[in-house]
Amino acid sequence: MLDCKRSVRAAFCDSTGIAAFVRGDNRASAAGGWLRLTATGRVARVLQLTGLAEVLRYEEDAADPAAPAGP
């Protein structure tokens, strides 16, 4: 999972970022895995406009998988 919510550098996403997301998804798929993104603001909007939100199963409010599990 790539968490773009926490990264200050991920406040913007252009065609290079889109290509990186697609490459990451392709590599993960080839290895039997998957890439999931969490993002807000401009990055979330780019994911929606490009259709990557559907391809990468993007969820704006997805839980942080690194967070400790609650009781």
PDB file of N, CA and C in Angstrom:
ATOM      1  N   MET A   1       0.849  -1.165   0.000  1.00  0.00           N
ATOM      2  CA  MET A   1       0.000   0.000   0.000  1.00  0.00           C
ATOM      3  C   MET A   1       0.893   1.224   0.000  1.00  0.00           C
ATOM      4  N   LEU A   2       0.546   2.176  -0.828  1.00  0.00           N
ATOM      5  CA  LEU A   2       1.263   3.439  -0.884  1.00  0.00           C
ATOM      6  C   LEU A   2       0.372   4.500  -0.274  1.00  0.00           C
ATOM      7  N   ASP A   3       0.831   5.087   0.821  1.00  0.00           N
ATOM      8  CA  ASP A   3       0.036   6.088   1.532  1.00  0.00           C
ATOM      9  C   ASP A   3       0.495   7.478   1.136  1.00  0.00           C
ATOM     10  N   CYS A   4      -0.235   8.109   0.222  1.00  0.00           N
ATOM     11  CA  CYS A   4       0.108   9.461  -0.241  1.00  0.00           C
ATOM     12  C   CYS A   4      -0.425  10.529   0.700  1.00  0.00           C
ATOM     13  N   LYS A   5      -1.203  10.152   1.689  1.00  0.00           N
ATOM     14  CA  LYS A   5      -1.745  11.125   2.634  1.00  0.00           C
ATOM     15  C   LYS A   5      -0.662  11.701   3.534  1.00  0.00           C
ATOM     16  N   ARG A   6       0.330  10.893   3.884  1.00  0.00           N
ATOM     17  CA  ARG A   6       1.341  11.298   4.850  1.00  0.00           C
ATOM     18  C   ARG A   6       2.547  11.977   4.227  1.00  0.00           C
ATOM     19  N   SER A   7       2.691  11.900   2.931  1.00  0.00           N
ATOM     20  CA  SER A   7       3.873  12.423   2.271  1.00  0.00           C
ATOM     21  C   SER A   7       3.658  13.850   1.789  1.00  0.00           C
ATOM     22  N   VAL A   8       4.484  14.758   2.258  1.00  0.00           N
ATOM     23  CA  VAL A   8       4.411  16.147   1.809  1.00  0.00           C
ATOM     24  C   VAL A   8       4.761  16.216   0.332  1.00  0.00           C
ATOM     25  N   ARG A   9       5.655  15.359  -0.125  1.00  0.00           N
ATOM     26  CA  ARG A   9       6.070  15.348  -1.526  1.00  0.00           C
ATOM     27  C   ARG A   9       4.966  14.852  -2.446  1.00  0.00           C
ATOM     28  N   ALA A  10       3.965  14.211  -1.930  1.00  0.00           N
ATOM     29  CA  ALA A  10       2.888  13.674  -2.757  1.00  0.00           C
ATOM     30  C   ALA A  10       1.706  14.631  -2.836  1.00  0.00           C
ATOM     31  N   ALA A  11       1.955  15.918  -2.643  1.00  0.00           N
ATOM     32  CA  ALA A  11       0.887  16.905  -2.731  1.00  0.00           C
ATOM     33  C   ALA A  11       0.536  17.216  -4.179  1.00  0.00           C
ATOM     34  N   PHE A  12       1.335  16.717  -5.114  1.00  0.00           N
ATOM     35  CA  PHE A  12       1.135  16.973  -6.539  1.00  0.00           C
ATOM     36  C   PHE A  12       1.417  15.686  -7.301  1.00  0.00           C
ATOM     37  N   CYS A  13       0.685  15.439  -8.368  1.00  0.00           N
ATOM     38  CA  CYS A  13       0.912  14.244  -9.177  1.00  0.00           C
ATOM     39  C   CYS A  13       0.750  14.607 -10.649  1.00  0.00           C
ATOM     40  N   ASP A  14       1.826  14.434 -11.428  1.00  0.00           N
ATOM     41  CA  ASP A  14       1.767  14.693 -12.856  1.00  0.00           C
ATOM     42  C   ASP A  14       1.863  13.364 -13.612  1.00  0.00           C
ATOM     43  N   SER A  15       2.132  13.426 -14.904  1.00  0.00           N
ATOM     44  CA  SER A  15       2.172  12.209 -15.712  1.00  0.00           C
ATOM     45  C   SER A  15       3.271  11.249 -15.261  1.00  0.00           C
ATOM     46  N   THR A  16       4.364  11.783 -14.712  1.00  0.00           N
ATOM     47  CA  THR A  16       5.426  10.920 -14.198  1.00  0.00           C
ATOM     48  C   THR A  16       4.935  10.117 -13.005  1.00  0.00           C
ATOM     49  N   GLY A  17       4.187  10.761 -12.112  1.00  0.00           N
ATOM     50  CA  GLY A  17       3.613  10.064 -10.959  1.00  0.00           C
ATOM     51  C   GLY A  17       2.595   9.019 -11.380  1.00  0.00           C
ATOM     52  N   ILE A  18       1.763   9.365 -12.347  1.00  0.00           N
ATOM     53  CA  ILE A  18       0.768   8.415 -12.858  1.00  0.00           C
ATOM     54  C   ILE A  18       1.473   7.187 -13.423  1.00  0.00           C
ATOM     55  N   ALA A  19       2.515   7.422 -14.239  1.00  0.00           N
ATOM     56  CA  ALA A  19       3.276   6.312 -14.821  1.00  0.00           C
ATOM     57  C   ALA A  19       3.905   5.445 -13.727  1.00  0.00           C
ATOM     58  N   ALA A  20       4.395   6.075 -12.662  1.00  0.00           N
ATOM     59  CA  ALA A  20       4.997   5.321 -11.553  1.00  0.00           C
ATOM     60  C   ALA A  20       3.959   4.454 -10.860  1.00  0.00           C
ATOM     61  N   PHE A  21       2.745   4.973 -10.687  1.00  0.00           N
ATOM     62  CA  PHE A  21       1.680   4.164 -10.079  1.00  0.00           C
ATOM     63  C   PHE A  21       1.347   2.961 -10.957  1.00  0.00           C
ATOM     64  N   VAL A  22       1.266   3.177 -12.268  1.00  0.00           N
ATOM     65  CA  VAL A  22       0.951   2.090 -13.194  1.00  0.00           C
ATOM     66  C   VAL A  22       2.074   1.051 -13.195  1.00  0.00           C
ATOM     67  N   ARG A  23       3.343   1.513 -13.254  1.00  0.00           N
ATOM     68  CA  ARG A  23       4.480   0.582 -13.195  1.00  0.00           C
ATOM     69  C   ARG A  23       4.473  -0.206 -11.896  1.00  0.00           C
ATOM     70  N   GLY A  24       4.220   0.479 -10.788  1.00  0.00           N
ATOM     71  CA  GLY A  24       4.175  -0.204  -9.496  1.00  0.00           C
ATOM     72  C   GLY A  24       3.094  -1.266  -9.453  1.00  0.00           C
ATOM     73  N   ASP A  25       1.931  -0.945 -10.014  1.00  0.00           N
ATOM     74  CA  ASP A  25       0.838  -1.921 -10.058  1.00  0.00           C
ATOM     75  C   ASP A  25       1.210  -3.106 -10.940  1.00  0.00           C
ATOM     76  N   ASN A  26       1.826  -2.834 -12.094  1.00  0.00           N
ATOM     77  CA  ASN A  26       2.240  -3.919 -12.993  1.00  0.00           C
ATOM     78  C   ASN A  26       3.272  -4.826 -12.336  1.00  0.00           C
ATOM     79  N   ARG A  27       4.243  -4.236 -11.651  1.00  0.00           N
ATOM     80  CA  ARG A  27       5.273  -5.035 -10.976  1.00  0.00           C
ATOM     81  C   ARG A  27       4.683  -5.860  -9.835  1.00  0.00           C
ATOM     82  N   ALA A  28       3.790  -5.246  -9.085  1.00  0.00           N
ATOM     83  CA  ALA A  28       3.161  -5.975  -7.980  1.00  0.00           C
ATOM     84  C   ALA A  28       2.337  -7.141  -8.523  1.00  0.00           C
ATOM     85  N   SER A  29       1.597  -6.909  -9.595  1.00  0.00           N
ATOM     86  CA  SER A  29       0.787  -7.972 -10.203  1.00  0.00           C
ATOM     87  C   SER A  29       1.662  -9.110 -10.705  1.00  0.00           C
ATOM     88  N   ALA A  30       2.786  -8.763 -11.335  1.00  0.00           N
ATOM     89  CA  ALA A  30       3.700  -9.782 -11.856  1.00  0.00           C
ATOM     90  C   ALA A  30       4.274 -10.658 -10.744  1.00  0.00           C
ATOM     91  N   ALA A  31       4.374 -10.075  -9.547  1.00  0.00           N
ATOM     92  CA  ALA A  31       4.910 -10.813  -8.397  1.00  0.00           C
ATOM     93  C   ALA A  31       3.798 -11.479  -7.582  1.00  0.00           C
ATOM     94  N   GLY A  32       2.561 -11.406  -8.091  1.00  0.00           N
ATOM     95  CA  GLY A  32       1.451 -12.036  -7.386  1.00  0.00           C
ATOM     96  C   GLY A  32       0.815 -11.161  -6.327  1.00  0.00           C
ATOM     97  N   GLY A  33       1.134  -9.885  -6.317  1.00  0.00           N
ATOM     98  CA  GLY A  33       0.595  -8.972  -5.311  1.00  0.00           C
ATOM     99  C   GLY A  33      -0.294  -7.919  -5.939  1.00  0.00           C
ATOM    100  N   TRP A  34      -0.432  -6.806  -5.249  1.00  0.00           N
ATOM    101  CA  TRP A  34      -1.239  -5.706  -5.745  1.00  0.00           C
ATOM    102  C   TRP A  34      -0.757  -4.417  -5.115  1.00  0.00           C
ATOM    103  N   LEU A  35      -1.100  -3.308  -5.757  1.00  0.00           N
ATOM    104  CA  LEU A  35      -0.765  -1.987  -5.247  1.00  0.00           C
ATOM    105  C   LEU A  35      -2.059  -1.295  -4.867  1.00  0.00           C
ATOM    106  N   ARG A  36      -2.106  -0.747  -3.672  1.00  0.00           N
ATOM    107  CA  ARG A  36      -3.264   0.032  -3.237  1.00  0.00           C
ATOM    108  C   ARG A  36      -2.759   1.390  -2.776  1.00  0.00           C
ATOM    109  N   LEU A  37      -3.549   2.426  -3.041  1.00  0.00           N
ATOM    110  CA  LEU A  37      -3.165   3.789  -2.708  1.00  0.00           C
ATOM    111  C   LEU A  37      -4.151   4.418  -1.748  1.00  0.00           C
ATOM    112  N   THR A  38      -3.645   5.284  -0.915  1.00  0.00           N
ATOM    113  CA  THR A  38      -4.494   6.187  -0.140  1.00  0.00           C
ATOM    114  C   THR A  38      -3.983   7.581  -0.436  1.00  0.00           C
ATOM    115  N   ALA A  39      -4.879   8.507  -0.680  1.00  0.00           N
ATOM    116  CA  ALA A  39      -4.478   9.866  -1.038  1.00  0.00           C
ATOM    117  C   ALA A  39      -5.615  10.834  -0.755  1.00  0.00           C
ATOM    118  N   THR A  40      -5.270  12.102  -0.690  1.00  0.00           N
ATOM    119  CA  THR A  40      -6.262  13.159  -0.533  1.00  0.00           C
ATOM    120  C   THR A  40      -5.896  14.303  -1.469  1.00  0.00           C
ATOM    121  N   GLY A  41      -6.754  15.292  -1.549  1.00  0.00           N
ATOM    122  CA  GLY A  41      -6.454  16.516  -2.287  1.00  0.00           C
ATOM    123  C   GLY A  41      -6.202  16.303  -3.762  1.00  0.00           C
ATOM    124  N   ARG A  42      -5.150  16.951  -4.254  1.00  0.00           N
ATOM    125  CA  ARG A  42      -4.838  16.922  -5.680  1.00  0.00           C
ATOM    126  C   ARG A  42      -4.537  15.521  -6.190  1.00  0.00           C
ATOM    127  N   VAL A  43      -3.804  14.736  -5.413  1.00  0.00           N
ATOM    128  CA  VAL A  43      -3.462  13.383  -5.847  1.00  0.00           C
ATOM    129  C   VAL A  43      -4.734  12.547  -5.974  1.00  0.00           C
ATOM    130  N   ALA A  44      -5.634  12.659  -5.026  1.00  0.00           N
ATOM    131  CA  ALA A  44      -6.905  11.929  -5.102  1.00  0.00           C
ATOM    132  C   ALA A  44      -7.690  12.349  -6.337  1.00  0.00           C
ATOM    133  N   ARG A  45      -7.692  13.628  -6.630  1.00  0.00           N
ATOM    134  CA  ARG A  45      -8.411  14.138  -7.807  1.00  0.00           C
ATOM    135  C   ARG A  45      -7.808  13.585  -9.098  1.00  0.00           C
ATOM    136  N   VAL A  46      -6.486  13.541  -9.193  1.00  0.00           N
ATOM    137  CA  VAL A  46      -5.820  12.988 -10.375  1.00  0.00           C
ATOM    138  C   VAL A  46      -6.179  11.515 -10.543  1.00  0.00           C
ATOM    139  N   LEU A  47      -6.196  10.775  -9.445  1.00  0.00           N
ATOM    140  CA  LEU A  47      -6.562   9.354  -9.522  1.00  0.00           C
ATOM    141  C   LEU A  47      -7.981   9.184 -10.054  1.00  0.00           C
ATOM    142  N   GLN A  48      -8.891  10.035  -9.620  1.00  0.00           N
ATOM    143  CA  GLN A  48     -10.279   9.972 -10.095  1.00  0.00           C
ATOM    144  C   GLN A  48     -10.365  10.343 -11.572  1.00  0.00           C
ATOM    145  N   LEU A  49      -9.729  11.442 -11.976  1.00  0.00           N
ATOM    146  CA  LEU A  49      -9.812  11.930 -13.358  1.00  0.00           C
ATOM    147  C   LEU A  49      -9.198  10.976 -14.369  1.00  0.00           C
ATOM    148  N   THR A  50      -8.132  10.306 -13.989  1.00  0.00           N
ATOM    149  CA  THR A  50      -7.447   9.404 -14.914  1.00  0.00           C
ATOM    150  C   THR A  50      -8.047   8.009 -14.949  1.00  0.00           C
ATOM    151  N   GLY A  51      -8.928   7.702 -14.023  1.00  0.00           N
ATOM    152  CA  GLY A  51      -9.497   6.359 -13.956  1.00  0.00           C
ATOM    153  C   GLY A  51      -8.656   5.393 -13.137  1.00  0.00           C
ATOM    154  N   LEU A  52      -7.510   5.847 -12.640  1.00  0.00           N
ATOM    155  CA  LEU A  52      -6.659   4.968 -11.837  1.00  0.00           C
ATOM    156  C   LEU A  52      -7.295   4.601 -10.504  1.00  0.00           C
ATOM    157  N   ALA A  53      -8.220   5.412 -10.048  1.00  0.00           N
ATOM    158  CA  ALA A  53      -8.897   5.103  -8.785  1.00  0.00           C
ATOM    159  C   ALA A  53      -9.581   3.744  -8.885  1.00  0.00           C
ATOM    160  N   GLU A  54     -10.160   3.446 -10.038  1.00  0.00           N
ATOM    161  CA  GLU A  54     -10.823   2.154 -10.238  1.00  0.00           C
ATOM    162  C   GLU A  54      -9.811   1.038 -10.452  1.00  0.00           C
ATOM    163  N   VAL A  55      -8.798   1.302 -11.260  1.00  0.00           N
ATOM    164  CA  VAL A  55      -7.793   0.288 -11.577  1.00  0.00           C
ATOM    165  C   VAL A  55      -7.028  -0.137 -10.333  1.00  0.00           C
ATOM    166  N   LEU A  56      -6.641   0.839  -9.516  1.00  0.00           N
ATOM    167  CA  LEU A  56      -5.828   0.562  -8.326  1.00  0.00           C
ATOM    168  C   LEU A  56      -6.670   0.362  -7.069  1.00  0.00           C
ATOM    169  N   ARG A  57      -7.972   0.355  -7.242  1.00  0.00           N
ATOM    170  CA  ARG A  57      -8.888   0.211  -6.109  1.00  0.00           C
ATOM    171  C   ARG A  57      -8.565   1.214  -5.014  1.00  0.00           C
ATOM    172  N   TYR A  58      -8.349   2.436  -5.448  1.00  0.00           N
ATOM    173  CA  TYR A  58      -8.047   3.542  -4.540  1.00  0.00           C
ATOM    174  C   TYR A  58      -9.214   3.786  -3.587  1.00  0.00           C
ATOM    175  N   GLU A  59      -8.909   4.001  -2.318  1.00  0.00           N
ATOM    176  CA  GLU A  59      -9.923   4.318  -1.320  1.00  0.00           C
ATOM    177  C   GLU A  59      -9.435   5.509  -0.512  1.00  0.00           C
ATOM    178  N   GLU A  60     -10.148   6.623  -0.628  1.00  0.00           N
ATOM    179  CA  GLU A  60      -9.723   7.846   0.055  1.00  0.00           C
ATOM    180  C   GLU A  60      -9.655   7.669   1.562  1.00  0.00           C
ATOM    181  N   ASP A  61     -10.580   6.920   2.127  1.00  0.00           N
ATOM    182  CA  ASP A  61     -10.630   6.763   3.577  1.00  0.00           C
ATOM    183  C   ASP A  61     -10.165   5.398   4.054  1.00  0.00           C
ATOM    184  N   ALA A  62      -9.300   4.764   3.290  1.00  0.00           N
ATOM    185  CA  ALA A  62      -8.810   3.436   3.670  1.00  0.00           C
ATOM    186  C   ALA A  62      -8.029   3.509   4.982  1.00  0.00           C
ATOM    187  N   ALA A  63      -8.173   2.479   5.773  1.00  0.00           N
ATOM    188  CA  ALA A  63      -7.428   2.409   7.038  1.00  0.00           C
ATOM    189  C   ALA A  63      -5.954   2.223   6.758  1.00  0.00           C
ATOM    190  N   ASP A  64      -5.129   2.755   7.615  1.00  0.00           N
ATOM    191  CA  ASP A  64      -3.685   2.622   7.489  1.00  0.00           C
ATOM    192  C   ASP A  64      -3.281   1.203   7.898  1.00  0.00           C
ATOM    193  N   PRO A  65      -2.738   0.392   6.962  1.00  0.00           N
ATOM    194  CA  PRO A  65      -2.389  -0.975   7.310  1.00  0.00           C
ATOM    195  C   PRO A  65      -1.224  -1.061   8.282  1.00  0.00           C
ATOM    196  N   ALA A  66      -0.471   0.017   8.450  1.00  0.00           N
ATOM    197  CA  ALA A  66       0.659   0.016   9.380  1.00  0.00           C
ATOM    198  C   ALA A  66       0.242   0.396  10.803  1.00  0.00           C
ATOM    199  N   ALA A  67      -0.999   0.848  10.940  1.00  0.00           N
ATOM    200  CA  ALA A  67      -1.484   1.265  12.257  1.00  0.00           C
ATOM    201  C   ALA A  67      -1.712   0.036  13.139  1.00  0.00           C
ATOM    202  N   PRO A  68      -1.459   0.169  14.430  1.00  0.00           N
ATOM    203  CA  PRO A  68      -1.717  -0.952  15.343  1.00  0.00           C
ATOM    204  C   PRO A  68      -3.212  -1.309  15.368  1.00  0.00           C
ATOM    205  N   ALA A  69      -3.471  -2.574  15.430  1.00  0.00           N
ATOM    206  CA  ALA A  69      -4.875  -3.040  15.480  1.00  0.00           C
ATOM    207  C   ALA A  69      -5.487  -2.691  16.816  1.00  0.00           C
ATOM    208  N   GLY A  70      -6.701  -2.198  16.756  1.00  0.00           N
ATOM    209  CA  GLY A  70      -7.419  -1.842  17.991  1.00  0.00           C
ATOM    210  C   GLY A  70      -8.121  -3.041  18.592  1.00  0.00           C
ATOM    211  N   PRO A  71      -8.545  -2.933  19.848  1.00  0.00           N
ATOM    212  CA  PRO A  71      -9.231  -4.061  20.503  1.00  0.00           C
ATOM    213  C   PRO A  71     -10.598  -4.301  19.934  1.00  0.00           C
TER     214      PRO A  71
END
